[in-house]
Amino acid sequence: MKFKIKTSRTGNEGKVGNREKEKEDEFKLKELEMKEREKIKEDELKLKELEMRERLEMEKLKIEMVKEESNTKVQSKSDYFDAAKKYTFGSKIL
């Protein structure tokens, strides 16, 4: 005598499969959202780094301009002193 095992079908098998599929889809969606957030954060960090580099370059340029300006002022003042010495003391060199 052979026995057959009956499996009871309640009609929920399709619903359970759909729920699992929905959960998988939700998980994939959340994964994608997390990756997108990470990418946005990385992009923001890169942008901040670029902005900092630009500011640093601007500060370097400002410093260079001030150096050049102060060098020309110092040179012109020394030229005035040299001219005053020549005028005051004639051709004598101090």
PDB file of N, CA and C in Angstrom:
ATOM      1  N   MET A   1       0.822  -1.165   0.000  1.00  0.00           N
ATOM      2  CA  MET A   1       0.000   0.000   0.000  1.00  0.00           C
ATOM      3  C   MET A   1       0.875   1.241   0.000  1.00  0.00           C
ATOM      4  N   LYS A   2       0.599   2.178  -0.849  1.00  0.00           N
ATOM      5  CA  LYS A   2       1.359   3.416  -0.963  1.00  0.00           C
ATOM      6  C   LYS A   2       0.560   4.540  -0.337  1.00  0.00           C
ATOM      7  N   PHE A   3       1.326   5.350   0.411  1.00  0.00           N
ATOM      8  CA  PHE A   3       0.676   6.506   1.041  1.00  0.00           C
ATOM      9  C   PHE A   3       1.113   7.763   0.306  1.00  0.00           C
ATOM     10  N   LYS A   4       0.217   8.580   0.062  1.00  0.00           N
ATOM     11  CA  LYS A   4       0.517   9.872  -0.536  1.00  0.00           C
ATOM     12  C   LYS A   4       0.394  10.922   0.551  1.00  0.00           C
ATOM     13  N   ILE A   5       1.399  11.768   0.593  1.00  0.00           N
ATOM     14  CA  ILE A   5       1.346  12.854   1.561  1.00  0.00           C
ATOM     15  C   ILE A   5       0.683  14.036   0.883  1.00  0.00           C
ATOM     16  N   LYS A   6      -0.362  14.439   1.510  1.00  0.00           N
ATOM     17  CA  LYS A   6      -1.076  15.591   0.962  1.00  0.00           C
ATOM     18  C   LYS A   6      -0.504  16.863   1.561  1.00  0.00           C
ATOM     19  N   THR A   7      -0.291  17.779   0.717  1.00  0.00           N
ATOM     20  CA  THR A   7       0.100  19.094   1.207  1.00  0.00           C
ATOM     21  C   THR A   7      -1.123  19.967   1.116  1.00  0.00           C
ATOM     22  N   SER A   8      -1.360  20.634   2.180  1.00  0.00           N
ATOM     23  CA  SER A   8      -2.540  21.478   2.176  1.00  0.00           C
ATOM     24  C   SER A   8      -2.216  22.784   1.485  1.00  0.00           C
ATOM     25  N   ARG A   9      -3.036  23.137   0.629  1.00  0.00           N
ATOM     26  CA  ARG A   9      -2.866  24.402  -0.089  1.00  0.00           C
ATOM     27  C   ARG A   9      -3.934  25.352   0.409  1.00  0.00           C
ATOM     28  N   THR A  10      -3.422  26.437   0.946  1.00  0.00           N
ATOM     29  CA  THR A  10      -4.370  27.385   1.519  1.00  0.00           C
ATOM     30  C   THR A  10      -4.602  28.572   0.597  1.00  0.00           C
ATOM     31  N   GLY A  11      -3.787  28.663  -0.444  1.00  0.00           N
ATOM     32  CA  GLY A  11      -3.933  29.803  -1.342  1.00  0.00           C
ATOM     33  C   GLY A  11      -3.042  30.965  -0.942  1.00  0.00           C
ATOM     34  N   ASN A  12      -2.307  30.800   0.158  1.00  0.00           N
ATOM     35  CA  ASN A  12      -1.418  31.869   0.625  1.00  0.00           C
ATOM     36  C   ASN A  12      -0.006  31.775   0.041  1.00  0.00           C
ATOM     37  N   GLU A  13       0.257  30.681  -0.676  1.00  0.00           N
ATOM     38  CA  GLU A  13       1.599  30.499  -1.206  1.00  0.00           C
ATOM     39  C   GLU A  13       1.994  31.660  -2.114  1.00  0.00           C
ATOM     40  N   GLY A  14       1.110  32.081  -2.935  1.00  0.00           N
ATOM     41  CA  GLY A  14       1.375  33.205  -3.839  1.00  0.00           C
ATOM     42  C   GLY A  14       1.586  34.498  -3.066  1.00  0.00           C
ATOM     43  N   LYS A  15       0.816  34.680  -2.013  1.00  0.00           N
ATOM     44  CA  LYS A  15       0.947  35.887  -1.196  1.00  0.00           C
ATOM     45  C   LYS A  15       2.286  35.906  -0.466  1.00  0.00           C
ATOM     46  N   VAL A  16       2.698  34.745   0.040  1.00  0.00           N
ATOM     47  CA  VAL A  16       3.975  34.664   0.744  1.00  0.00           C
ATOM     48  C   VAL A  16       5.107  34.973  -0.219  1.00  0.00           C
ATOM     49  N   GLY A  17       5.028  34.418  -1.416  1.00  0.00           N
ATOM     50  CA  GLY A  17       6.042  34.693  -2.433  1.00  0.00           C
ATOM     51  C   GLY A  17       6.083  36.168  -2.792  1.00  0.00           C
ATOM     52  N   ASN A  18       4.910  36.780  -2.876  1.00  0.00           N
ATOM     53  CA  ASN A  18       4.847  38.210  -3.186  1.00  0.00           C
ATOM     54  C   ASN A  18       5.449  39.044  -2.066  1.00  0.00           C
ATOM     55  N   ARG A  19       5.177  38.640  -0.821  1.00  0.00           N
ATOM     56  CA  ARG A  19       5.737  39.377   0.329  1.00  0.00           C
ATOM     57  C   ARG A  19       7.257  39.296   0.327  1.00  0.00           C
ATOM     58  N   GLU A  20       7.768  38.099   0.059  1.00  0.00           N
ATOM     59  CA  GLU A  20       9.214  37.936   0.000  1.00  0.00           C
ATOM     60  C   GLU A  20       9.808  38.797  -1.107  1.00  0.00           C
ATOM     61  N   LYS A  21       9.153  38.796  -2.249  1.00  0.00           N
ATOM     62  CA  LYS A  21       9.619  39.615  -3.377  1.00  0.00           C
ATOM     63  C   LYS A  21       9.581  41.094  -3.006  1.00  0.00           C
ATOM     64  N   GLU A  22       8.520  41.525  -2.346  1.00  0.00           N
ATOM     65  CA  GLU A  22       8.413  42.917  -1.912  1.00  0.00           C
ATOM     66  C   GLU A  22       9.524  43.272  -0.934  1.00  0.00           C
ATOM     67  N   LYS A  23       9.810  42.355   0.000  1.00  0.00           N
ATOM     68  CA  LYS A  23      10.880  42.602   0.969  1.00  0.00           C
ATOM     69  C   LYS A  23      12.232  42.694   0.266  1.00  0.00           C
ATOM     70  N   GLU A  24      12.456  41.803  -0.697  1.00  0.00           N
ATOM     71  CA  GLU A  24      13.701  41.859  -1.465  1.00  0.00           C
ATOM     72  C   GLU A  24      13.811  43.185  -2.214  1.00  0.00           C
ATOM     73  N   ASP A  25      12.706  43.598  -2.821  1.00  0.00           N
ATOM     74  CA  ASP A  25      12.703  44.864  -3.552  1.00  0.00           C
ATOM     75  C   ASP A  25      12.957  46.047  -2.621  1.00  0.00           C
ATOM     76  N   GLU A  26      12.340  46.023  -1.440  1.00  0.00           N
ATOM     77  CA  GLU A  26      12.567  47.080  -0.459  1.00  0.00           C
ATOM     78  C   GLU A  26      14.029  47.114  -0.029  1.00  0.00           C
ATOM     79  N   PHE A  27      14.594  45.929   0.194  1.00  0.00           N
ATOM     80  CA  PHE A  27      15.995  45.835   0.600  1.00  0.00           C
ATOM     81  C   PHE A  27      16.904  46.403  -0.492  1.00  0.00           C
ATOM     82  N   LYS A  28      16.639  46.034  -1.733  1.00  0.00           N
ATOM     83  CA  LYS A  28      17.443  46.540  -2.853  1.00  0.00           C
ATOM     84  C   LYS A  28      17.308  48.060  -2.968  1.00  0.00           C
ATOM     85  N   LEU A  29      16.098  48.551  -2.769  1.00  0.00           N
ATOM     86  CA  LEU A  29      15.863  49.989  -2.839  1.00  0.00           C
ATOM     87  C   LEU A  29      16.627  50.720  -1.739  1.00  0.00           C
ATOM     88  N   LYS A  30      16.583  50.177  -0.525  1.00  0.00           N
ATOM     89  CA  LYS A  30      17.315  50.787   0.584  1.00  0.00           C
ATOM     90  C   LYS A  30      18.819  50.750   0.329  1.00  0.00           C
ATOM     91  N   GLU A  31      19.298  49.647  -0.247  1.00  0.00           N
ATOM     92  CA  GLU A  31      20.706  49.526  -0.587  1.00  0.00           C
ATOM     93  C   GLU A  31      21.109  50.614  -1.591  1.00  0.00           C
ATOM     94  N   LEU A  32      20.283  50.799  -2.600  1.00  0.00           N
ATOM     95  CA  LEU A  32      20.548  51.827  -3.607  1.00  0.00           C
ATOM     96  C   LEU A  32      20.535  53.224  -2.986  1.00  0.00           C
ATOM     97  N   GLU A  33      19.585  53.468  -2.090  1.00  0.00           N
ATOM     98  CA  GLU A  33      19.508  54.763  -1.421  1.00  0.00           C
ATOM     99  C   GLU A  33      20.758  55.024  -0.587  1.00  0.00           C
ATOM    100  N   MET A  34      21.233  53.966   0.116  1.00  0.00           N
ATOM    101  CA  MET A  34      22.440  54.118   0.927  1.00  0.00           C
ATOM    102  C   MET A  34      23.652  54.414   0.045  1.00  0.00           C
ATOM    103  N   LYS A  35      23.761  53.716  -1.073  1.00  0.00           N
ATOM    104  CA  LYS A  35      24.870  53.955  -1.998  1.00  0.00           C
ATOM    105  C   LYS A  35      24.808  55.379  -2.544  1.00  0.00           C
ATOM    106  N   GLU A  36      23.601  55.829  -2.847  1.00  0.00           N
ATOM    107  CA  GLU A  36      23.430  57.188  -3.370  1.00  0.00           C
ATOM    108  C   GLU A  36      23.836  58.224  -2.322  1.00  0.00           C
ATOM    109  N   ARG A  37      23.438  57.993  -1.062  1.00  0.00           N
ATOM    110  CA  ARG A  37      23.822  58.902   0.017  1.00  0.00           C
ATOM    111  C   ARG A  37      25.342  58.932   0.195  1.00  0.00           C
ATOM    112  N   GLU A  38      25.971  57.754   0.130  1.00  0.00           N
ATOM    113  CA  GLU A  38      27.429  57.685   0.241  1.00  0.00           C
ATOM    114  C   GLU A  38      28.089  58.465  -0.888  1.00  0.00           C
ATOM    115  N   LYS A  39      27.564  58.323  -2.092  1.00  0.00           N
ATOM    116  CA  LYS A  39      28.126  59.026  -3.245  1.00  0.00           C
ATOM    117  C   LYS A  39      27.974  60.535  -3.077  1.00  0.00           C
ATOM    118  N   ILE A  40      26.823  60.948  -2.574  1.00  0.00           N
ATOM    119  CA  ILE A  40      26.597  62.374  -2.345  1.00  0.00           C
ATOM    120  C   ILE A  40      27.577  62.900  -1.312  1.00  0.00           C
ATOM    121  N   LYS A  41      27.794  62.142  -0.234  1.00  0.00           N
ATOM    122  CA  LYS A  41      28.747  62.566   0.804  1.00  0.00           C
ATOM    123  C   LYS A  41      30.156  62.651   0.236  1.00  0.00           C
ATOM    124  N   GLU A  42      30.533  61.666  -0.581  1.00  0.00           N
ATOM    125  CA  GLU A  42      31.858  61.691  -1.204  1.00  0.00           C
ATOM    126  C   GLU A  42      32.003  62.915  -2.097  1.00  0.00           C
ATOM    127  N   ASP A  43      30.959  63.191  -2.882  1.00  0.00           N
ATOM    128  CA  ASP A  43      30.994  64.361  -3.769  1.00  0.00           C
ATOM    129  C   ASP A  43      31.110  65.656  -2.963  1.00  0.00           C
ATOM    130  N   GLU A  44      30.380  65.735  -1.843  1.00  0.00           N
ATOM    131  CA  GLU A  44      30.449  66.922  -0.993  1.00  0.00           C
ATOM    132  C   GLU A  44      31.859  67.096  -0.425  1.00  0.00           C
ATOM    133  N   LEU A  45      32.470  65.986  -0.002  1.00  0.00           N
ATOM    134  CA  LEU A  45      33.834  66.050   0.525  1.00  0.00           C
ATOM    135  C   LEU A  45      34.820  66.502  -0.552  1.00  0.00           C
ATOM    136  N   LYS A  46      34.652  65.983  -1.755  1.00  0.00           N
ATOM    137  CA  LYS A  46      35.529  66.389  -2.857  1.00  0.00           C
ATOM    138  C   LYS A  46      35.363  67.871  -3.153  1.00  0.00           C
ATOM    139  N   LEU A  47      34.123  68.347  -3.134  1.00  0.00           N
ATOM    140  CA  LEU A  47      33.853  69.759  -3.383  1.00  0.00           C
ATOM    141  C   LEU A  47      34.492  70.632  -2.310  1.00  0.00           C
ATOM    142  N   LYS A  48      34.356  70.227  -1.048  1.00  0.00           N
ATOM    143  CA  LYS A  48      34.971  70.982   0.049  1.00  0.00           C
ATOM    144  C   LYS A  48      36.488  71.007  -0.103  1.00  0.00           C
ATOM    145  N   GLU A  49      37.058  69.873  -0.490  1.00  0.00           N
ATOM    146  CA  GLU A  49      38.508  69.803  -0.686  1.00  0.00           C
ATOM    147  C   GLU A  49      38.945  70.756  -1.797  1.00  0.00           C
ATOM    148  N   LEU A  50      38.191  70.780  -2.884  1.00  0.00           N
ATOM    149  CA  LEU A  50      38.516  71.696  -3.981  1.00  0.00           C
ATOM    150  C   LEU A  50      38.408  73.147  -3.534  1.00  0.00           C
ATOM    151  N   GLU A  51      37.361  73.455  -2.765  1.00  0.00           N
ATOM    152  CA  GLU A  51      37.187  74.822  -2.269  1.00  0.00           C
ATOM    153  C   GLU A  51      38.353  75.217  -1.363  1.00  0.00           C
ATOM    154  N   MET A  52      38.780  74.289  -0.515  1.00  0.00           N
ATOM    155  CA  MET A  52      39.908  74.581   0.385  1.00  0.00           C
ATOM    156  C   MET A  52      41.187  74.814  -0.425  1.00  0.00           C
ATOM    157  N   ARG A  53      41.384  74.015  -1.454  1.00  0.00           N
ATOM    158  CA  ARG A  53      42.568  74.194  -2.306  1.00  0.00           C
ATOM    159  C   ARG A  53      42.537  75.555  -2.994  1.00  0.00           C
ATOM    160  N   GLU A  54      41.350  75.940  -3.474  1.00  0.00           N
ATOM    161  CA  GLU A  54      41.207  77.255  -4.117  1.00  0.00           C
ATOM    162  C   GLU A  54      41.534  78.367  -3.136  1.00  0.00           C
ATOM    163  N   ARG A  55      41.003  78.266  -1.927  1.00  0.00           N
ATOM    164  CA  ARG A  55      41.277  79.285  -0.906  1.00  0.00           C
ATOM    165  C   ARG A  55      42.768  79.355  -0.607  1.00  0.00           C
ATOM    166  N   LEU A  56      43.402  78.200  -0.500  1.00  0.00           N
ATOM    167  CA  LEU A  56      44.835  78.147  -0.233  1.00  0.00           C
ATOM    168  C   LEU A  56      45.618  78.824  -1.362  1.00  0.00           C
ATOM    169  N   GLU A  57      45.230  78.532  -2.594  1.00  0.00           N
ATOM    170  CA  GLU A  57      45.899  79.164  -3.740  1.00  0.00           C
ATOM    171  C   GLU A  57      45.700  80.680  -3.723  1.00  0.00           C
ATOM    172  N   MET A  58      44.490  81.113  -3.376  1.00  0.00           N
ATOM    173  CA  MET A  58      44.217  82.555  -3.310  1.00  0.00           C
ATOM    174  C   MET A  58      45.076  83.200  -2.224  1.00  0.00           C
ATOM    175  N   GLU A  59      45.190  82.543  -1.077  1.00  0.00           N
ATOM    176  CA  GLU A  59      46.013  83.081   0.006  1.00  0.00           C
ATOM    177  C   GLU A  59      47.478  83.147  -0.417  1.00  0.00           C
ATOM    178  N   LYS A  60      47.934  82.115  -1.128  1.00  0.00           N
ATOM    179  CA  LYS A  60      49.315  82.130  -1.617  1.00  0.00           C
ATOM    180  C   LYS A  60      49.537  83.298  -2.576  1.00  0.00           C
ATOM    181  N   LEU A  61      48.563  83.521  -3.460  1.00  0.00           N
ATOM    182  CA  LEU A  61      48.675  84.640  -4.397  1.00  0.00           C
ATOM    183  C   LEU A  61      48.691  85.972  -3.666  1.00  0.00           C
ATOM    184  N   LYS A  62      47.826  86.105  -2.649  1.00  0.00           N
ATOM    185  CA  LYS A  62      47.796  87.341  -1.873  1.00  0.00           C
ATOM    186  C   LYS A  62      49.139  87.583  -1.197  1.00  0.00           C
ATOM    187  N   ILE A  63      49.689  86.532  -0.603  1.00  0.00           N
ATOM    188  CA  ILE A  63      50.985  86.660   0.072  1.00  0.00           C
ATOM    189  C   ILE A  63      52.057  87.059  -0.927  1.00  0.00           C
ATOM    190  N   GLU A  64      52.026  86.425  -2.089  1.00  0.00           N
ATOM    191  CA  GLU A  64      53.012  86.746  -3.125  1.00  0.00           C
ATOM    192  C   GLU A  64      52.878  88.201  -3.574  1.00  0.00           C
ATOM    193  N   MET A  65      51.638  88.663  -3.727  1.00  0.00           N
ATOM    194  CA  MET A  65      51.416  90.056  -4.132  1.00  0.00           C
ATOM    195  C   MET A  65      51.925  91.016  -3.066  1.00  0.00           C
ATOM    196  N   VAL A  66      51.670  90.706  -1.804  1.00  0.00           N
ATOM    197  CA  VAL A  66      52.133  91.564  -0.711  1.00  0.00           C
ATOM    198  C   VAL A  66      53.650  91.584  -0.679  1.00  0.00           C
ATOM    199  N   LYS A  67      54.283  90.429  -0.884  1.00  0.00           N
ATOM    200  CA  LYS A  67      55.743  90.369  -0.914  1.00  0.00           C
ATOM    201  C   LYS A  67      56.300  91.251  -2.026  1.00  0.00           C
ATOM    202  N   GLU A  68      55.708  91.113  -3.213  1.00  0.00           N
ATOM    203  CA  GLU A  68      56.179  91.917  -4.342  1.00  0.00           C
ATOM    204  C   GLU A  68      55.983  93.403  -4.063  1.00  0.00           C
ATOM    205  N   GLU A  69      54.828  93.739  -3.502  1.00  0.00           N
ATOM    206  CA  GLU A  69      54.540  95.138  -3.198  1.00  0.00           C
ATOM    207  C   GLU A  69      55.517  95.680  -2.158  1.00  0.00           C
ATOM    208  N   SER A  70      55.774  94.883  -1.126  1.00  0.00           N
ATOM    209  CA  SER A  70      56.699  95.351  -0.086  1.00  0.00           C
ATOM    210  C   SER A  70      58.119  95.433  -0.633  1.00  0.00           C
ATOM    211  N   ASN A  71      58.492  94.542  -1.524  1.00  0.00           N
ATOM    212  CA  ASN A  71      59.818  94.605  -2.140  1.00  0.00           C
ATOM    213  C   ASN A  71      59.976  95.878  -2.960  1.00  0.00           C
ATOM    214  N   THR A  72      58.968  96.250  -3.699  1.00  0.00           N
ATOM    215  CA  THR A  72      59.069  97.475  -4.502  1.00  0.00           C
ATOM    216  C   THR A  72      59.112  98.693  -3.598  1.00  0.00           C
ATOM    217  N   LYS A  73      58.365  98.675  -2.501  1.00  0.00           N
ATOM    218  CA  LYS A  73      58.408  99.806  -1.571  1.00  0.00           C
ATOM    219  C   LYS A  73      59.786  99.926  -0.942  1.00  0.00           C
ATOM    220  N   VAL A  74      60.349  98.794  -0.537  1.00  0.00           N
ATOM    221  CA  VAL A  74      61.673  98.811   0.086  1.00  0.00           C
ATOM    222  C   VAL A  74      62.705  99.312  -0.923  1.00  0.00           C
ATOM    223  N   GLN A  75      62.613  98.848  -2.142  1.00  0.00           N
ATOM    224  CA  GLN A  75      63.566  99.278  -3.160  1.00  0.00           C
ATOM    225  C   GLN A  75      63.438 100.777  -3.422  1.00  0.00           C
ATOM    226  N   SER A  76      62.217 101.244  -3.528  1.00  0.00           N
ATOM    227  CA  SER A  76      62.048 102.658  -3.816  1.00  0.00           C
ATOM    228  C   SER A  76      62.545 103.513  -2.654  1.00  0.00           C
ATOM    229  N   LYS A  77      62.322 103.074  -1.421  1.00  0.00           N
ATOM    230  CA  LYS A  77      62.826 103.832  -0.276  1.00  0.00           C
ATOM    231  C   LYS A  77      64.344 103.845  -0.273  1.00  0.00           C
ATOM    232  N   SER A  78      64.952 102.700  -0.566  1.00  0.00           N
ATOM    233  CA  SER A  78      66.418 102.667  -0.588  1.00  0.00           C
ATOM    234  C   SER A  78      66.936 103.546  -1.718  1.00  0.00           C
ATOM    235  N   ASP A  79      66.209 103.628  -2.818  1.00  0.00           N
ATOM    236  CA  ASP A  79      66.612 104.523  -3.915  1.00  0.00           C
ATOM    237  C   ASP A  79      66.574 105.977  -3.446  1.00  0.00           C
ATOM    238  N   TYR A  80      65.533 106.316  -2.670  1.00  0.00           N
ATOM    239  CA  TYR A  80      65.446 107.675  -2.137  1.00  0.00           C
ATOM    240  C   TYR A  80      66.623 107.973  -1.221  1.00  0.00           C
ATOM    241  N   PHE A  81      66.965 107.009  -0.366  1.00  0.00           N
ATOM    242  CA  PHE A  81      68.094 107.214   0.542  1.00  0.00           C
ATOM    243  C   PHE A  81      69.394 107.374  -0.226  1.00  0.00           C
ATOM    244  N   ASP A  82      69.574 106.539  -1.234  1.00  0.00           N
ATOM    245  CA  ASP A  82      70.793 106.634  -2.054  1.00  0.00           C
ATOM    246  C   ASP A  82      70.861 107.999  -2.743  1.00  0.00           C
ATOM    247  N   ALA A  83      69.734 108.439  -3.274  1.00  0.00           N
ATOM    248  CA  ALA A  83      69.709 109.738  -3.946  1.00  0.00           C
ATOM    249  C   ALA A  83      69.983 110.856  -2.947  1.00  0.00           C
ATOM    250  N   ALA A  84      69.415 110.736  -1.743  1.00  0.00           N
ATOM    251  CA  ALA A  84      69.636 111.759  -0.719  1.00  0.00           C
ATOM    252  C   ALA A  84      71.097 111.778  -0.301  1.00  0.00           C
ATOM    253  N   LYS A  85      71.714 110.628  -0.191  1.00  0.00           N
ATOM    254  CA  LYS A  85      73.133 110.566   0.177  1.00  0.00           C
ATOM    255  C   LYS A  85      73.988 111.247  -0.879  1.00  0.00           C
ATOM    256  N   LYS A  86      73.694 110.965  -2.120  1.00  0.00           N
ATOM    257  CA  LYS A  86      74.482 111.565  -3.205  1.00  0.00           C
ATOM    258  C   LYS A  86      74.295 113.076  -3.204  1.00  0.00           C
ATOM    259  N   TYR A  87      73.087 113.509  -2.980  1.00  0.00           N
ATOM    260  CA  TYR A  87      72.806 114.941  -2.988  1.00  0.00           C
ATOM    261  C   TYR A  87      73.472 115.619  -1.796  1.00  0.00           C
ATOM    262  N   THR A  88      73.355 114.996  -0.631  1.00  0.00           N
ATOM    263  CA  THR A  88      73.884 115.588   0.582  1.00  0.00           C
ATOM    264  C   THR A  88      75.393 115.537   0.645  1.00  0.00           C
ATOM    265  N   PHE A  89      75.918 114.396   0.330  1.00  0.00           N
ATOM    266  CA  PHE A  89      77.358 114.223   0.507  1.00  0.00           C
ATOM    267  C   PHE A  89      78.143 114.268  -0.799  1.00  0.00           C
ATOM    268  N   GLY A  90      77.493 114.619  -1.823  1.00  0.00           N
ATOM    269  CA  GLY A  90      78.193 114.725  -3.090  1.00  0.00           C
ATOM    270  C   GLY A  90      78.562 113.353  -3.630  1.00  0.00           C
ATOM    271  N   SER A  91      79.747 113.214  -4.075  1.00  0.00           N
ATOM    272  CA  SER A  91      80.165 111.958  -4.672  1.00  0.00           C
ATOM    273  C   SER A  91      80.788 111.029  -3.651  1.00  0.00           C
ATOM    274  N   LYS A  92      80.833 111.439  -2.384  1.00  0.00           N
ATOM    275  CA  LYS A  92      81.386 110.578  -1.354  1.00  0.00           C
ATOM    276  C   LYS A  92      80.436 109.398  -1.101  1.00  0.00           C
ATOM    277  N   ILE A  93      80.996 108.246  -0.946  1.00  0.00           N
ATOM    278  CA  ILE A  93      80.198 107.051  -0.641  1.00  0.00           C
ATOM    279  C   ILE A  93      80.395 106.712   0.822  1.00  0.00           C
ATOM    280  N   LEU A  94      79.312 106.535   1.544  1.00  0.00           N
ATOM    281  CA  LEU A  94      79.393 106.215   2.969  1.00  0.00           C
ATOM    282  C   LEU A  94      79.579 104.763   3.204  1.00  0.00           C
TER     283      LEU A  94
END
